[in-house]
Amino acid sequence: MVEYNTFIYPSIYPYVDFEDQQFVYNADKDFFTYNDNPNGQAEVWHGIINFKEDIAKYKKFFNELQTYNSLQTDANT
């Protein structure tokens, strides 16, 4: 959970933003709070798949992930 402009909502953003973090964990509130960092940006690409409407994209994503993983395994042997 993150807090921004008095709103609290679920987000994966803090888990993909490692340097110059835009949200930092606040133990007193038990969620992430805005760090007022204008240069913050996620270092890991992320997205959300709407499972109710985009089931084909879900399948495509995991098929591509499996293919990528097998290519990496083959390259390392």
PDB file of N, CA and C in Angstrom:
ATOM      1  N   MET A   1       0.849  -1.177   0.000  1.00  0.00           N
ATOM      2  CA  MET A   1       0.000   0.000   0.000  1.00  0.00           C
ATOM      3  C   MET A   1       0.894   1.239   0.000  1.00  0.00           C
ATOM      4  N   VAL A   2       0.460   2.245  -0.751  1.00  0.00           N
ATOM      5  CA  VAL A   2       1.165   3.524  -0.777  1.00  0.00           C
ATOM      6  C   VAL A   2       0.199   4.643  -0.411  1.00  0.00           C
ATOM      7  N   GLU A   3       0.751   5.696   0.148  1.00  0.00           N
ATOM      8  CA  GLU A   3      -0.027   6.895   0.457  1.00  0.00           C
ATOM      9  C   GLU A   3       0.522   8.032  -0.390  1.00  0.00           C
ATOM     10  N   TYR A   4      -0.377   8.695  -1.121  1.00  0.00           N
ATOM     11  CA  TYR A   4       0.034   9.821  -1.950  1.00  0.00           C
ATOM     12  C   TYR A   4      -1.126  10.802  -2.040  1.00  0.00           C
ATOM     13  N   ASN A   5      -0.896  12.050  -1.705  1.00  0.00           N
ATOM     14  CA  ASN A   5      -1.947  13.087  -1.731  1.00  0.00           C
ATOM     15  C   ASN A   5      -3.179  12.669  -0.945  1.00  0.00           C
ATOM     16  N   THR A   6      -2.996  12.176   0.239  1.00  0.00           N
ATOM     17  CA  THR A   6      -4.027  11.732   1.180  1.00  0.00           C
ATOM     18  C   THR A   6      -4.781  10.480   0.726  1.00  0.00           C
ATOM     19  N   PHE A   7      -4.420   9.898  -0.414  1.00  0.00           N
ATOM     20  CA  PHE A   7      -5.046   8.658  -0.874  1.00  0.00           C
ATOM     21  C   PHE A   7      -4.146   7.488  -0.521  1.00  0.00           C
ATOM     22  N   ILE A   8      -4.739   6.377  -0.127  1.00  0.00           N
ATOM     23  CA  ILE A   8      -4.014   5.144   0.156  1.00  0.00           C
ATOM     24  C   ILE A   8      -4.543   4.090  -0.798  1.00  0.00           C
ATOM     25  N   TYR A   9      -3.627   3.468  -1.545  1.00  0.00           N
ATOM     26  CA  TYR A   9      -4.051   2.491  -2.555  1.00  0.00           C
ATOM     27  C   TYR A   9      -2.969   1.430  -2.764  1.00  0.00           C
ATOM     28  N   PRO A  10      -3.342   0.259  -3.270  1.00  0.00           N
ATOM     29  CA  PRO A  10      -2.350  -0.783  -3.527  1.00  0.00           C
ATOM     30  C   PRO A  10      -1.503  -0.434  -4.740  1.00  0.00           C
ATOM     31  N   SER A  11      -0.216  -0.770  -4.665  1.00  0.00           N
ATOM     32  CA  SER A  11       0.692  -0.504  -5.778  1.00  0.00           C
ATOM     33  C   SER A  11       1.909  -1.411  -5.679  1.00  0.00           C
ATOM     34  N   ILE A  12       2.427  -1.827  -6.835  1.00  0.00           N
ATOM     35  CA  ILE A  12       3.675  -2.582  -6.856  1.00  0.00           C
ATOM     36  C   ILE A  12       4.866  -1.655  -7.071  1.00  0.00           C
ATOM     37  N   TYR A  13       4.600  -0.381  -7.270  1.00  0.00           N
ATOM     38  CA  TYR A  13       5.664   0.584  -7.591  1.00  0.00           C
ATOM     39  C   TYR A  13       6.849   0.552  -6.625  1.00  0.00           C
ATOM     40  N   PRO A  14       6.628   0.525  -5.302  1.00  0.00           N
ATOM     41  CA  PRO A  14       7.789   0.534  -4.396  1.00  0.00           C
ATOM     42  C   PRO A  14       8.696  -0.686  -4.554  1.00  0.00           C
ATOM     43  N   TYR A  15       8.176  -1.771  -5.118  1.00  0.00           N
ATOM     44  CA  TYR A  15       8.961  -2.990  -5.263  1.00  0.00           C
ATOM     45  C   TYR A  15       9.781  -3.020  -6.554  1.00  0.00           C
ATOM     46  N   VAL A  16       9.638  -2.014  -7.414  1.00  0.00           N
ATOM     47  CA  VAL A  16      10.411  -1.944  -8.655  1.00  0.00           C
ATOM     48  C   VAL A  16      11.218  -0.650  -8.744  1.00  0.00           C
ATOM     49  N   ASP A  17      11.202   0.130  -7.686  1.00  0.00           N
ATOM     50  CA  ASP A  17      11.902   1.414  -7.627  1.00  0.00           C
ATOM     51  C   ASP A  17      12.974   1.325  -6.543  1.00  0.00           C
ATOM     52  N   PHE A  18      14.240   1.163  -6.967  1.00  0.00           N
ATOM     53  CA  PHE A  18      15.305   0.908  -6.005  1.00  0.00           C
ATOM     54  C   PHE A  18      16.189   2.117  -5.727  1.00  0.00           C
ATOM     55  N   GLU A  19      16.471   2.920  -6.723  1.00  0.00           N
ATOM     56  CA  GLU A  19      17.352   4.076  -6.566  1.00  0.00           C
ATOM     57  C   GLU A  19      16.514   5.354  -6.541  1.00  0.00           C
ATOM     58  N   ASP A  20      16.913   6.312  -5.734  1.00  0.00           N
ATOM     59  CA  ASP A  20      16.155   7.572  -5.624  1.00  0.00           C
ATOM     60  C   ASP A  20      14.666   7.288  -5.479  1.00  0.00           C
ATOM     61  N   GLN A  21      14.330   6.513  -4.483  1.00  0.00           N
ATOM     62  CA  GLN A  21      12.965   6.016  -4.317  1.00  0.00           C
ATOM     63  C   GLN A  21      11.927   7.128  -4.193  1.00  0.00           C
ATOM     64  N   GLN A  22      10.839   6.925  -4.873  1.00  0.00           N
ATOM     65  CA  GLN A  22       9.747   7.875  -4.809  1.00  0.00           C
ATOM     66  C   GLN A  22       8.815   7.579  -3.632  1.00  0.00           C
ATOM     67  N   PHE A  23       8.794   6.327  -3.186  1.00  0.00           N
ATOM     68  CA  PHE A  23       8.026   5.934  -2.012  1.00  0.00           C
ATOM     69  C   PHE A  23       8.945   5.162  -1.075  1.00  0.00           C
ATOM     70  N   VAL A  24       8.879   5.451   0.211  1.00  0.00           N
ATOM     71  CA  VAL A  24       9.682   4.740   1.206  1.00  0.00           C
ATOM     72  C   VAL A  24       8.746   4.143   2.259  1.00  0.00           C
ATOM     73  N   TYR A  25       9.178   3.031   2.829  1.00  0.00           N
ATOM     74  CA  TYR A  25       8.338   2.358   3.825  1.00  0.00           C
ATOM     75  C   TYR A  25       8.291   3.149   5.118  1.00  0.00           C
ATOM     76  N   ASN A  26       7.093   3.344   5.627  1.00  0.00           N
ATOM     77  CA  ASN A  26       6.875   4.052   6.879  1.00  0.00           C
ATOM     78  C   ASN A  26       6.339   3.034   7.888  1.00  0.00           C
ATOM     79  N   ALA A  27       7.191   2.595   8.809  1.00  0.00           N
ATOM     80  CA  ALA A  27       6.811   1.565   9.772  1.00  0.00           C
ATOM     81  C   ALA A  27       5.687   2.024  10.701  1.00  0.00           C
ATOM     82  N   ASP A  28       5.625   3.314  10.984  1.00  0.00           N
ATOM     83  CA  ASP A  28       4.561   3.820  11.862  1.00  0.00           C
ATOM     84  C   ASP A  28       3.186   3.667  11.218  1.00  0.00           C
ATOM     85  N   LYS A  29       3.121   3.844   9.909  1.00  0.00           N
ATOM     86  CA  LYS A  29       1.845   3.739   9.195  1.00  0.00           C
ATOM     87  C   LYS A  29       1.623   2.356   8.591  1.00  0.00           C
ATOM     88  N   ASP A  30       2.703   1.572   8.485  1.00  0.00           N
ATOM     89  CA  ASP A  30       2.667   0.220   7.930  1.00  0.00           C
ATOM     90  C   ASP A  30       2.338   0.209   6.426  1.00  0.00           C
ATOM     91  N   PHE A  31       2.782   1.254   5.715  1.00  0.00           N
ATOM     92  CA  PHE A  31       2.706   1.280   4.256  1.00  0.00           C
ATOM     93  C   PHE A  31       3.735   2.272   3.733  1.00  0.00           C
ATOM     94  N   PHE A  32       3.853   2.373   2.418  1.00  0.00           N
ATOM     95  CA  PHE A  32       4.825   3.265   1.798  1.00  0.00           C
ATOM     96  C   PHE A  32       4.247   4.673   1.681  1.00  0.00           C
ATOM     97  N   THR A  33       5.083   5.671   1.947  1.00  0.00           N
ATOM     98  CA  THR A  33       4.651   7.065   1.849  1.00  0.00           C
ATOM     99  C   THR A  33       5.518   7.796   0.821  1.00  0.00           C
ATOM    100  N   TYR A  34       4.959   8.832   0.245  1.00  0.00           N
ATOM    101  CA  TYR A  34       5.638   9.595  -0.797  1.00  0.00           C
ATOM    102  C   TYR A  34       6.912  10.222  -0.254  1.00  0.00           C
ATOM    103  N   ASN A  35       7.984  10.146  -1.030  1.00  0.00           N
ATOM    104  CA  ASN A  35       9.297  10.622  -0.616  1.00  0.00           C
ATOM    105  C   ASN A  35       9.630  11.995  -1.197  1.00  0.00           C
ATOM    106  N   ASP A  36       8.720  12.597  -1.922  1.00  0.00           N
ATOM    107  CA  ASP A  36       8.920  13.920  -2.533  1.00  0.00           C
ATOM    108  C   ASP A  36      10.215  13.969  -3.339  1.00  0.00           C
ATOM    109  N   ASN A  37      10.392  12.972  -4.178  1.00  0.00           N
ATOM    110  CA  ASN A  37      11.585  12.865  -5.017  1.00  0.00           C
ATOM    111  C   ASN A  37      11.176  13.048  -6.481  1.00  0.00           C
ATOM    112  N   PRO A  38      11.443  14.202  -7.064  1.00  0.00           N
ATOM    113  CA  PRO A  38      11.015  14.450  -8.451  1.00  0.00           C
ATOM    114  C   PRO A  38      11.758  13.597  -9.475  1.00  0.00           C
ATOM    115  N   ASN A  39      12.893  12.981  -9.087  1.00  0.00           N
ATOM    116  CA  ASN A  39      13.671  12.161 -10.017  1.00  0.00           C
ATOM    117  C   ASN A  39      13.390  10.670  -9.881  1.00  0.00           C
ATOM    118  N   GLY A  40      12.458  10.293  -9.034  1.00  0.00           N
ATOM    119  CA  GLY A  40      12.153   8.883  -8.833  1.00  0.00           C
ATOM    120  C   GLY A  40      11.538   8.255 -10.066  1.00  0.00           C
ATOM    121  N   GLN A  41      11.996   7.057 -10.363  1.00  0.00           N
ATOM    122  CA  GLN A  41      11.402   6.284 -11.457  1.00  0.00           C
ATOM    123  C   GLN A  41      11.723   4.820 -11.227  1.00  0.00           C
ATOM    124  N   ALA A  42      10.858   3.971 -11.712  1.00  0.00           N
ATOM    125  CA  ALA A  42      11.058   2.538 -11.535  1.00  0.00           C
ATOM    126  C   ALA A  42      12.249   2.057 -12.355  1.00  0.00           C
ATOM    127  N   GLU A  43      13.082   1.224 -11.747  1.00  0.00           N
ATOM    128  CA  GLU A  43      14.216   0.648 -12.466  1.00  0.00           C
ATOM    129  C   GLU A  43      13.834  -0.665 -13.145  1.00  0.00           C
ATOM    130  N   VAL A  44      12.723  -1.248 -12.759  1.00  0.00           N
ATOM    131  CA  VAL A  44      12.251  -2.498 -13.342  1.00  0.00           C
ATOM    132  C   VAL A  44      10.930  -2.217 -14.043  1.00  0.00           C
ATOM    133  N   TRP A  45      10.830  -2.675 -15.306  1.00  0.00           N
ATOM    134  CA  TRP A  45       9.582  -2.496 -16.045  1.00  0.00           C
ATOM    135  C   TRP A  45       8.516  -3.360 -15.401  1.00  0.00           C
ATOM    136  N   HIS A  46       7.327  -2.829 -15.297  1.00  0.00           N
ATOM    137  CA  HIS A  46       6.222  -3.584 -14.714  1.00  0.00           C
ATOM    138  C   HIS A  46       4.922  -3.192 -15.384  1.00  0.00           C
ATOM    139  N   GLY A  47       3.966  -4.051 -15.284  1.00  0.00           N
ATOM    140  CA  GLY A  47       2.646  -3.789 -15.843  1.00  0.00           C
ATOM    141  C   GLY A  47       1.613  -4.657 -15.149  1.00  0.00           C
ATOM    142  N   ILE A  48       0.381  -4.407 -15.470  1.00  0.00           N
ATOM    143  CA  ILE A  48      -0.719  -5.154 -14.867  1.00  0.00           C
ATOM    144  C   ILE A  48      -1.560  -5.757 -15.974  1.00  0.00           C
ATOM    145  N   ILE A  49      -1.874  -7.032 -15.844  1.00  0.00           N
ATOM    146  CA  ILE A  49      -2.728  -7.724 -16.806  1.00  0.00           C
ATOM    147  C   ILE A  49      -4.123  -7.825 -16.193  1.00  0.00           C
ATOM    148  N   ASN A  50      -5.119  -7.378 -16.926  1.00  0.00           N
ATOM    149  CA  ASN A  50      -6.501  -7.495 -16.478  1.00  0.00           C
ATOM    150  C   ASN A  50      -6.971  -8.914 -16.798  1.00  0.00           C
ATOM    151  N   PHE A  51      -7.012  -9.780 -15.783  1.00  0.00           N
ATOM    152  CA  PHE A  51      -7.336 -11.180 -15.997  1.00  0.00           C
ATOM    153  C   PHE A  51      -8.768 -11.397 -16.472  1.00  0.00           C
ATOM    154  N   LYS A  52      -9.653 -10.479 -16.206  1.00  0.00           N
ATOM    155  CA  LYS A  52     -11.041 -10.634 -16.652  1.00  0.00           C
ATOM    156  C   LYS A  52     -11.190 -10.355 -18.137  1.00  0.00           C
ATOM    157  N   GLU A  53     -10.369  -9.448 -18.666  1.00  0.00           N
ATOM    158  CA  GLU A  53     -10.511  -9.057 -20.063  1.00  0.00           C
ATOM    159  C   GLU A  53      -9.348  -9.483 -20.948  1.00  0.00           C
ATOM    160  N   ASP A  54      -8.181  -9.729 -20.370  1.00  0.00           N
ATOM    161  CA  ASP A  54      -6.978  -9.973 -21.165  1.00  0.00           C
ATOM    162  C   ASP A  54      -6.361 -11.337 -20.919  1.00  0.00           C
ATOM    163  N   ILE A  55      -7.163 -12.373 -20.804  1.00  0.00           N
ATOM    164  CA  ILE A  55      -6.642 -13.703 -20.517  1.00  0.00           C
ATOM    165  C   ILE A  55      -5.680 -14.165 -21.607  1.00  0.00           C
ATOM    166  N   ALA A  56      -5.891 -13.761 -22.852  1.00  0.00           N
ATOM    167  CA  ALA A  56      -4.974 -14.131 -23.932  1.00  0.00           C
ATOM    168  C   ALA A  56      -3.603 -13.488 -23.709  1.00  0.00           C
ATOM    169  N   LYS A  57      -3.577 -12.252 -23.203  1.00  0.00           N
ATOM    170  CA  LYS A  57      -2.305 -11.595 -22.906  1.00  0.00           C
ATOM    171  C   LYS A  57      -1.596 -12.289 -21.748  1.00  0.00           C
ATOM    172  N   TYR A  58      -2.358 -12.754 -20.796  1.00  0.00           N
ATOM    173  CA  TYR A  58      -1.797 -13.498 -19.667  1.00  0.00           C
ATOM    174  C   TYR A  58      -1.096 -14.751 -20.177  1.00  0.00           C
ATOM    175  N   LYS A  59      -1.773 -15.511 -21.012  1.00  0.00           N
ATOM    176  CA  LYS A  59      -1.187 -16.737 -21.561  1.00  0.00           C
ATOM    177  C   LYS A  59       0.034 -16.417 -22.409  1.00  0.00           C
ATOM    178  N   LYS A  60      -0.050 -15.379 -23.232  1.00  0.00           N
ATOM    179  CA  LYS A  60       1.072 -14.995 -24.083  1.00  0.00           C
ATOM    180  C   LYS A  60       2.280 -14.593 -23.233  1.00  0.00           C
ATOM    181  N   PHE A  61       2.045 -13.817 -22.186  1.00  0.00           N
ATOM    182  CA  PHE A  61       3.132 -13.382 -21.316  1.00  0.00           C
ATOM    183  C   PHE A  61       3.865 -14.571 -20.711  1.00  0.00           C
ATOM    184  N   PHE A  62       3.125 -15.516 -20.145  1.00  0.00           N
ATOM    185  CA  PHE A  62       3.772 -16.640 -19.493  1.00  0.00           C
ATOM    186  C   PHE A  62       4.401 -17.611 -20.494  1.00  0.00           C
ATOM    187  N   ASN A  63       3.847 -17.719 -21.685  1.00  0.00           N
ATOM    188  CA  ASN A  63       4.495 -18.513 -22.726  1.00  0.00           C
ATOM    189  C   ASN A  63       5.825 -17.884 -23.128  1.00  0.00           C
ATOM    190  N   GLU A  64       5.845 -16.566 -23.291  1.00  0.00           N
ATOM    191  CA  GLU A  64       7.082 -15.870 -23.633  1.00  0.00           C
ATOM    192  C   GLU A  64       8.101 -15.962 -22.492  1.00  0.00           C
ATOM    193  N   LEU A  65       7.635 -15.889 -21.272  1.00  0.00           N
ATOM    194  CA  LEU A  65       8.524 -16.012 -20.116  1.00  0.00           C
ATOM    195  C   LEU A  65       9.156 -17.404 -20.084  1.00  0.00           C
ATOM    196  N   GLN A  66       8.355 -18.417 -20.361  1.00  0.00           N
ATOM    197  CA  GLN A  66       8.868 -19.787 -20.381  1.00  0.00           C
ATOM    198  C   GLN A  66       9.889 -19.962 -21.512  1.00  0.00           C
ATOM    199  N   THR A  67       9.609 -19.399 -22.680  1.00  0.00           N
ATOM    200  CA  THR A  67      10.546 -19.463 -23.801  1.00  0.00           C
ATOM    201  C   THR A  67      11.842 -18.749 -23.453  1.00  0.00           C
ATOM    202  N   TYR A  68      11.746 -17.560 -22.888  1.00  0.00           N
ATOM    203  CA  TYR A  68      12.932 -16.798 -22.487  1.00  0.00           C
ATOM    204  C   TYR A  68      13.763 -17.592 -21.488  1.00  0.00           C
ATOM    205  N   ASN A  69      13.094 -18.186 -20.504  1.00  0.00           N
ATOM    206  CA  ASN A  69      13.793 -18.952 -19.487  1.00  0.00           C
ATOM    207  C   ASN A  69      14.523 -20.150 -20.111  1.00  0.00           C
ATOM    208  N   SER A  70      13.893 -20.829 -21.038  1.00  0.00           N
ATOM    209  CA  SER A  70      14.556 -21.981 -21.656  1.00  0.00           C
ATOM    210  C   SER A  70      15.734 -21.535 -22.512  1.00  0.00           C
ATOM    211  N   LEU A  71      15.637 -20.376 -23.161  1.00  0.00           N
ATOM    212  CA  LEU A  71      16.749 -19.858 -23.949  1.00  0.00           C
ATOM    213  C   LEU A  71      17.927 -19.506 -23.049  1.00  0.00           C
ATOM    214  N   GLN A  72      17.640 -18.918 -21.887  1.00  0.00           N
ATOM    215  CA  GLN A  72      18.697 -18.573 -20.940  1.00  0.00           C
ATOM    216  C   GLN A  72      19.358 -19.823 -20.379  1.00  0.00           C
ATOM    217  N   THR A  73      18.560 -20.845 -20.113  1.00  0.00           N
ATOM    218  CA  THR A  73      19.108 -22.098 -19.596  1.00  0.00           C
ATOM    219  C   THR A  73      20.005 -22.744 -20.634  1.00  0.00           C
ATOM    220  N   ASP A  74      19.568 -22.745 -21.893  1.00  0.00           N
ATOM    221  CA  ASP A  74      20.375 -23.315 -22.976  1.00  0.00           C
ATOM    222  C   ASP A  74      21.669 -22.542 -23.168  1.00  0.00           C
ATOM    223  N   ALA A  75      21.626 -21.227 -23.032  1.00  0.00           N
ATOM    224  CA  ALA A  75      22.808 -20.395 -23.229  1.00  0.00           C
ATOM    225  C   ALA A  75      23.844 -20.609 -22.130  1.00  0.00           C
ATOM    226  N   ASN A  76      23.376 -20.995 -20.949  1.00  0.00           N
ATOM    227  CA  ASN A  76      24.289 -21.184 -19.823  1.00  0.00           C
ATOM    228  C   ASN A  76      24.873 -22.582 -19.741  1.00  0.00           C
ATOM    229  N   THR A  77      24.480 -23.478 -20.612  1.00  0.00           N
ATOM    230  CA  THR A  77      25.006 -24.844 -20.547  1.00  0.00           C
ATOM    231  C   THR A  77      26.115 -25.067 -21.532  1.00  0.00           C
TER     232      THR A  77
END
